[in-house]
N, C-alpha and C. Protein backbone atom coordinates (compact mmCIF):
# COMPACT_ATOMS: atom_id res chain seq x y z
N MET A 1 26.33 136.34 133.02
CA MET A 1 26.66 135.32 131.68
C MET A 1 26.01 133.87 132.07
N GLY A 2 25.41 133.65 133.15
CA GLY A 2 24.48 132.35 133.37
C GLY A 2 23.15 133.01 133.17
N LEU A 3 22.73 134.34 133.40
CA LEU A 3 21.20 134.99 132.81
C LEU A 3 21.39 134.73 131.62
N SER A 4 22.32 135.29 130.73
CA SER A 4 22.33 135.20 129.08
C SER A 4 22.02 133.70 128.68
N VAL A 5 22.97 132.88 129.26
CA VAL A 5 22.91 131.60 128.82
C VAL A 5 21.44 131.09 129.07
N ASN A 6 20.92 131.07 130.24
CA ASN A 6 19.65 130.96 130.40
C ASN A 6 18.52 131.46 129.51
N CYS A 7 18.62 132.78 129.29
CA CYS A 7 17.66 133.47 128.37
C CYS A 7 17.50 132.81 127.00
N LEU A 8 18.99 132.40 126.43
CA LEU A 8 19.26 131.81 124.94
C LEU A 8 18.16 130.58 124.88
N PHE A 9 18.86 129.71 126.07
CA PHE A 9 18.17 128.37 126.28
C PHE A 9 16.69 128.43 125.98
N TRP A 10 16.30 129.54 127.00
CA TRP A 10 14.41 129.18 127.18
C TRP A 10 13.98 130.15 125.77
N SER A 11 14.70 131.25 125.37
CA SER A 11 14.27 131.64 123.53
C SER A 11 14.35 130.51 123.06
N LEU A 12 15.45 130.03 122.44
CA LEU A 12 15.28 128.66 121.59
C LEU A 12 14.34 127.61 121.82
N LEU A 13 13.97 127.17 122.98
CA LEU A 13 13.26 126.36 123.21
C LEU A 13 11.96 126.69 122.85
N LEU A 14 11.42 127.98 123.26
CA LEU A 14 10.19 128.61 122.80
C LEU A 14 9.93 128.59 121.39
N CYS A 15 11.04 129.14 120.79
CA CYS A 15 10.87 129.05 119.20
C CYS A 15 10.70 127.68 118.27
N GLY A 16 11.36 126.61 118.93
CA GLY A 16 11.23 125.19 118.64
C GLY A 16 9.65 124.82 118.84
N VAL A 17 9.28 124.88 119.95
CA VAL A 17 7.95 124.73 120.18
C VAL A 17 6.96 125.44 119.22
N GLU A 18 7.02 126.26 118.90
CA GLU A 18 6.31 127.14 118.27
C GLU A 18 6.11 127.00 116.81
N SER A 19 7.36 126.51 116.61
CA SER A 19 7.62 126.35 115.06
C SER A 19 7.09 124.84 114.89
N CYS A 20 7.44 124.01 115.77
CA CYS A 20 6.86 122.36 115.57
C CYS A 20 5.66 122.00 114.96
N PRO A 21 5.65 121.54 113.42
CA PRO A 21 4.17 121.26 112.89
C PRO A 21 3.27 120.28 113.59
N ARG A 22 3.94 119.54 114.22
CA ARG A 22 3.12 118.05 115.06
C ARG A 22 2.38 118.61 116.28
N TRP A 23 2.72 119.90 116.73
CA TRP A 23 2.26 120.40 118.03
C TRP A 23 0.62 121.06 117.83
N PRO A 24 0.28 120.35 118.56
CA PRO A 24 -1.69 120.38 118.42
C PRO A 24 -1.92 121.94 118.86
N ARG A 25 -2.59 122.46 117.48
CA ARG A 25 -3.37 123.91 117.48
C ARG A 25 -4.69 123.75 117.14
N ARG A 26 -5.53 124.59 117.64
CA ARG A 26 -6.66 124.53 117.01
C ARG A 26 -6.89 125.79 116.20
N ASP A 27 -7.62 125.49 115.04
CA ASP A 27 -7.78 126.52 114.08
C ASP A 27 -9.17 127.19 114.31
N ARG A 28 -9.03 128.53 114.76
CA ARG A 28 -10.31 129.19 115.02
C ARG A 28 -10.57 130.20 114.02
N THR A 29 -9.90 130.12 112.67
CA THR A 29 -10.49 130.99 111.62
C THR A 29 -11.71 130.32 110.92
N ILE A 30 -11.91 129.04 110.96
CA ILE A 30 -13.09 128.58 110.41
C ILE A 30 -14.30 128.60 111.30
N PRO A 31 -15.26 129.18 110.81
CA PRO A 31 -16.36 129.12 111.84
C PRO A 31 -16.83 127.79 111.79
N LEU A 32 -17.35 127.08 113.17
CA LEU A 32 -17.89 125.66 113.33
C LEU A 32 -19.35 126.00 113.12
N GLU A 33 -19.81 124.86 112.13
CA GLU A 33 -20.90 124.60 111.93
C GLU A 33 -21.85 123.84 113.06
N VAL A 34 -22.76 124.65 114.11
CA VAL A 34 -23.00 123.68 115.00
C VAL A 34 -24.61 123.99 115.10
N GLU A 35 -25.33 122.96 115.86
CA GLU A 35 -26.59 123.13 115.54
C GLU A 35 -26.91 123.84 117.27
N VAL A 36 -28.02 124.96 116.95
CA VAL A 36 -28.10 125.75 118.28
C VAL A 36 -29.36 124.96 118.90
N GLU A 37 -28.88 125.03 120.39
CA GLU A 37 -30.19 124.49 120.97
C GLU A 37 -31.36 125.10 121.41
N GLN A 38 -32.40 124.54 121.72
CA GLN A 38 -33.50 125.53 121.86
C GLN A 38 -33.55 126.45 122.89
N ASP A 39 -32.79 126.19 124.18
CA ASP A 39 -32.66 126.90 125.30
C ASP A 39 -31.84 128.28 124.92
N VAL A 40 -30.93 128.08 124.11
CA VAL A 40 -30.12 129.14 123.64
C VAL A 40 -30.75 130.24 122.48
N LYS A 41 -31.63 129.37 121.74
CA LYS A 41 -32.51 130.35 120.51
C LYS A 41 -33.69 131.10 121.59
N GLU A 42 -34.15 130.26 122.52
CA GLU A 42 -35.15 131.16 123.51
C GLU A 42 -34.65 132.35 124.19
N GLU A 43 -33.32 132.39 124.82
CA GLU A 43 -32.36 133.28 125.34
C GLU A 43 -32.17 134.21 124.39
N GLU A 44 -31.69 133.92 123.27
CA GLU A 44 -31.83 135.13 122.01
C GLU A 44 -33.23 135.74 121.93
N ARG A 45 -34.17 135.17 121.64
CA ARG A 45 -35.37 135.79 121.61
C ARG A 45 -35.76 136.55 122.80
N LYS A 46 -35.62 136.17 123.97
CA LYS A 46 -35.64 136.99 125.25
C LYS A 46 -35.04 138.31 125.24
N VAL A 47 -33.69 138.18 125.07
CA VAL A 47 -32.62 139.07 124.70
C VAL A 47 -33.33 140.33 123.63
N LYS A 48 -33.50 140.00 122.80
CA LYS A 48 -34.23 140.41 121.54
C LYS A 48 -35.33 141.87 122.05
N LYS A 49 -36.34 141.09 122.77
CA LYS A 49 -37.55 141.74 122.97
C LYS A 49 -37.91 141.96 124.20
N SER A 50 -36.72 142.00 125.19
CA SER A 50 -36.61 142.60 126.51
C SER A 50 -36.14 143.88 126.65
N THR A 51 -36.85 144.75 127.67
CA THR A 51 -36.28 146.03 127.89
C THR A 51 -36.19 146.09 129.61
N GLY A 52 -35.15 146.96 129.90
CA GLY A 52 -35.04 146.97 131.45
C GLY A 52 -34.22 145.94 132.10
N LEU A 53 -33.29 145.04 131.34
CA LEU A 53 -32.48 144.28 131.72
C LEU A 53 -31.21 145.18 132.32
N ALA A 54 -30.56 144.59 133.24
CA ALA A 54 -29.45 145.13 133.89
C ALA A 54 -28.39 145.36 132.83
N VAL A 55 -28.06 144.02 132.37
CA VAL A 55 -26.83 143.64 131.45
C VAL A 55 -27.67 143.04 130.36
N LYS A 56 -27.72 143.75 129.08
CA LYS A 56 -28.19 143.00 127.55
C LYS A 56 -26.91 142.92 126.69
N VAL A 57 -26.53 141.77 126.59
CA VAL A 57 -25.52 141.41 125.57
C VAL A 57 -26.11 140.98 124.12
N SER A 58 -25.87 141.24 122.93
CA SER A 58 -26.72 141.16 122.10
C SER A 58 -25.89 140.60 120.67
N HIS A 59 -25.74 139.43 120.09
CA HIS A 59 -24.84 139.19 119.16
C HIS A 59 -23.33 139.62 119.06
N LEU A 60 -22.63 139.39 120.42
CA LEU A 60 -21.27 139.80 120.55
C LEU A 60 -20.38 138.95 119.87
N ARG A 61 -19.21 140.00 119.19
CA ARG A 61 -18.36 139.10 118.56
C ARG A 61 -16.91 139.97 118.97
N LYS A 62 -15.92 139.07 119.33
CA LYS A 62 -14.70 139.74 119.64
C LYS A 62 -13.50 138.96 118.49
N VAL A 63 -13.00 139.98 118.00
CA VAL A 63 -11.87 139.27 117.14
C VAL A 63 -10.77 139.94 117.34
N TYR A 64 -9.33 138.90 117.73
CA TYR A 64 -8.15 139.51 118.11
C TYR A 64 -7.33 139.47 116.73
N GLY A 65 -6.50 140.39 116.13
CA GLY A 65 -5.81 140.54 115.13
C GLY A 65 -6.77 140.12 114.04
N PRO A 66 -6.01 139.86 112.86
CA PRO A 66 -6.74 139.35 111.65
C PRO A 66 -7.68 138.15 111.37
N GLN A 67 -7.22 137.12 112.12
CA GLN A 67 -7.85 135.91 111.99
C GLN A 67 -8.71 135.45 113.36
N PHE A 68 -8.34 135.65 114.66
CA PHE A 68 -8.69 134.93 115.69
C PHE A 68 -9.79 135.42 116.40
N CYS A 69 -10.85 134.72 116.39
CA CYS A 69 -11.81 134.80 116.98
C CYS A 69 -12.16 134.17 118.19
N ALA A 70 -12.57 135.13 119.15
CA ALA A 70 -12.44 134.45 120.79
C ALA A 70 -13.91 134.58 120.82
N VAL A 71 -14.82 135.27 120.52
CA VAL A 71 -16.66 135.38 120.75
C VAL A 71 -16.94 135.33 119.66
N GLU A 72 -17.95 134.55 119.65
CA GLU A 72 -18.89 134.56 118.09
C GLU A 72 -20.47 134.40 118.46
N ASP A 73 -21.21 135.58 118.18
CA ASP A 73 -22.60 135.50 118.37
C ASP A 73 -23.05 135.28 119.57
N LEU A 74 -22.56 136.06 120.68
CA LEU A 74 -23.23 135.64 122.10
C LEU A 74 -24.02 136.67 122.32
N SER A 75 -25.19 136.02 122.92
CA SER A 75 -26.50 136.89 123.35
C SER A 75 -26.79 136.58 124.68
N PHE A 76 -27.09 137.25 125.55
CA PHE A 76 -27.61 136.83 126.85
C PHE A 76 -28.09 138.34 127.81
N GLY A 77 -29.24 138.18 128.46
CA GLY A 77 -29.59 138.96 129.59
C GLY A 77 -29.47 138.63 130.57
N VAL A 78 -29.54 139.75 131.64
CA VAL A 78 -29.19 139.53 133.38
C VAL A 78 -30.23 140.68 133.87
N ASN A 79 -31.19 140.33 134.64
CA ASN A 79 -31.82 141.08 135.43
C ASN A 79 -31.16 141.65 136.64
N LYS A 80 -31.69 142.88 137.13
CA LYS A 80 -31.00 143.21 138.06
C LYS A 80 -31.49 142.40 139.66
N GLY A 81 -30.58 142.30 140.14
CA GLY A 81 -30.38 141.46 141.61
C GLY A 81 -30.01 139.98 141.21
N GLU A 82 -29.74 139.78 139.83
CA GLU A 82 -29.65 138.25 139.41
C GLU A 82 -28.15 137.97 139.26
N CYS A 83 -27.68 136.70 139.87
CA CYS A 83 -26.41 136.38 139.56
C CYS A 83 -26.29 135.42 138.43
N PHE A 84 -25.19 135.41 137.67
CA PHE A 84 -24.82 134.94 136.72
C PHE A 84 -23.27 134.16 136.48
N ALA A 85 -23.05 133.19 135.47
CA ALA A 85 -21.84 133.06 135.49
C ALA A 85 -21.97 132.15 134.13
N LEU A 86 -20.75 132.54 133.40
CA LEU A 86 -20.19 131.98 132.02
C LEU A 86 -19.71 130.78 132.09
N LEU A 87 -20.08 129.78 131.84
CA LEU A 87 -19.44 128.51 131.66
C LEU A 87 -18.90 127.83 130.17
N GLY A 88 -17.91 127.28 130.18
CA GLY A 88 -17.40 126.69 129.05
C GLY A 88 -15.56 126.33 129.32
N VAL A 89 -15.54 125.51 127.97
CA VAL A 89 -14.06 124.96 128.07
C VAL A 89 -13.02 126.14 127.94
N ASN A 90 -11.61 125.99 128.14
CA ASN A 90 -10.66 126.97 127.88
C ASN A 90 -10.77 127.53 126.52
N GLY A 91 -10.69 128.69 126.37
CA GLY A 91 -10.86 129.04 125.05
C GLY A 91 -11.97 129.73 124.56
N ALA A 92 -12.86 129.48 125.33
CA ALA A 92 -14.47 129.75 124.75
C ALA A 92 -14.74 131.10 124.65
N GLY A 93 -13.71 131.77 125.54
CA GLY A 93 -14.30 133.19 125.19
C GLY A 93 -15.02 134.17 126.81
N LYS A 94 -14.96 133.15 127.92
CA LYS A 94 -15.47 133.98 128.94
C LYS A 94 -14.62 134.91 129.35
N SER A 95 -13.16 135.23 129.33
CA SER A 95 -12.63 136.44 129.84
C SER A 95 -12.55 137.42 128.85
N SER A 96 -12.83 137.29 127.97
CA SER A 96 -12.75 138.18 126.77
C SER A 96 -14.18 138.74 126.71
N THR A 97 -15.38 137.95 127.07
CA THR A 97 -16.40 138.67 127.31
C THR A 97 -16.26 139.47 128.54
N PHE A 98 -16.20 139.22 129.83
CA PHE A 98 -15.78 140.02 131.03
C PHE A 98 -15.14 141.12 130.63
N LYS A 99 -13.96 141.29 130.09
CA LYS A 99 -13.00 142.18 129.39
C LYS A 99 -13.77 143.33 128.67
N ILE A 100 -14.94 142.79 127.79
CA ILE A 100 -15.71 143.59 127.12
C ILE A 100 -16.54 144.37 128.11
N LEU A 101 -17.24 143.42 129.01
CA LEU A 101 -18.20 144.11 129.89
C LEU A 101 -17.81 145.05 130.57
N THR A 102 -16.37 144.91 131.15
CA THR A 102 -15.89 145.94 132.11
C THR A 102 -15.31 146.84 131.58
N GLY A 103 -15.00 147.07 130.12
CA GLY A 103 -14.46 148.24 129.21
C GLY A 103 -13.29 147.78 129.04
N GLU A 104 -12.41 146.82 129.51
CA GLU A 104 -11.03 146.65 129.27
C GLU A 104 -10.76 146.47 127.92
N GLU A 105 -11.69 145.73 127.05
CA GLU A 105 -11.65 145.69 125.75
C GLU A 105 -12.57 146.33 124.82
N GLU A 106 -12.60 146.51 123.57
CA GLU A 106 -13.76 146.93 122.67
C GLU A 106 -14.28 145.61 121.97
N LEU A 107 -15.44 145.63 121.70
CA LEU A 107 -15.92 144.58 121.12
C LEU A 107 -15.85 145.01 119.54
N THR A 108 -15.89 143.80 118.82
CA THR A 108 -15.83 144.06 117.26
C THR A 108 -17.00 144.05 116.70
N ALA A 109 -18.19 143.37 117.23
CA ALA A 109 -19.51 143.60 116.74
C ALA A 109 -20.56 143.24 117.87
N GLY A 110 -21.65 143.73 117.25
CA GLY A 110 -22.79 143.49 118.38
C GLY A 110 -22.98 144.61 119.54
N GLU A 111 -23.81 144.11 120.50
CA GLU A 111 -24.38 145.30 121.16
C GLU A 111 -24.23 144.94 122.74
N VAL A 112 -23.75 145.85 123.76
CA VAL A 112 -23.57 145.76 124.89
C VAL A 112 -24.32 146.84 125.57
N GLN A 113 -25.34 146.61 126.50
CA GLN A 113 -25.80 147.69 127.44
C GLN A 113 -25.94 147.13 128.97
N ILE A 114 -25.35 148.08 129.47
CA ILE A 114 -25.42 147.92 130.99
C ILE A 114 -26.13 148.99 131.26
N GLN A 115 -27.16 148.75 132.23
CA GLN A 115 -28.53 149.88 132.85
C GLN A 115 -29.12 150.39 131.63
N GLY A 116 -28.97 150.06 130.52
CA GLY A 116 -29.66 150.80 129.56
C GLY A 116 -28.48 151.90 128.59
N HIS A 117 -27.55 151.73 129.29
CA HIS A 117 -26.39 152.60 128.49
C HIS A 117 -25.68 151.49 127.69
N ASP A 118 -25.43 152.20 126.36
CA ASP A 118 -24.47 151.83 125.39
C ASP A 118 -23.18 151.55 125.88
N ILE A 119 -22.36 150.58 125.96
CA ILE A 119 -20.81 150.73 126.49
C ILE A 119 -20.05 151.32 125.29
N CYS A 120 -20.49 150.76 124.04
CA CYS A 120 -19.74 151.67 123.08
C CYS A 120 -19.37 153.13 122.75
């Protein structure tokens, strides 16, 4: 009986929080207009013309469901023996990117090559 009451309480609380219109939420359906920095443009050019990269990610995009864009136009390259990290705020798409690289998730658009092999 206690477990049922506990389950009902937490379910109602969750429904209340999810339906609250004042709860802060980010709208990720609208693409942000941002100015691309010079080093980002240089990395994209490097990836576009480079061959022999251990990991090559070009214009990666991952969308969950009909409207949630987790990764938008990501490009980077990693040479053999190089160590790298993805930095960003919560919700920037770091975990989604690594899930795509490891084959746990499929990409929506773009190209990912590991040791010259297309992972798609």
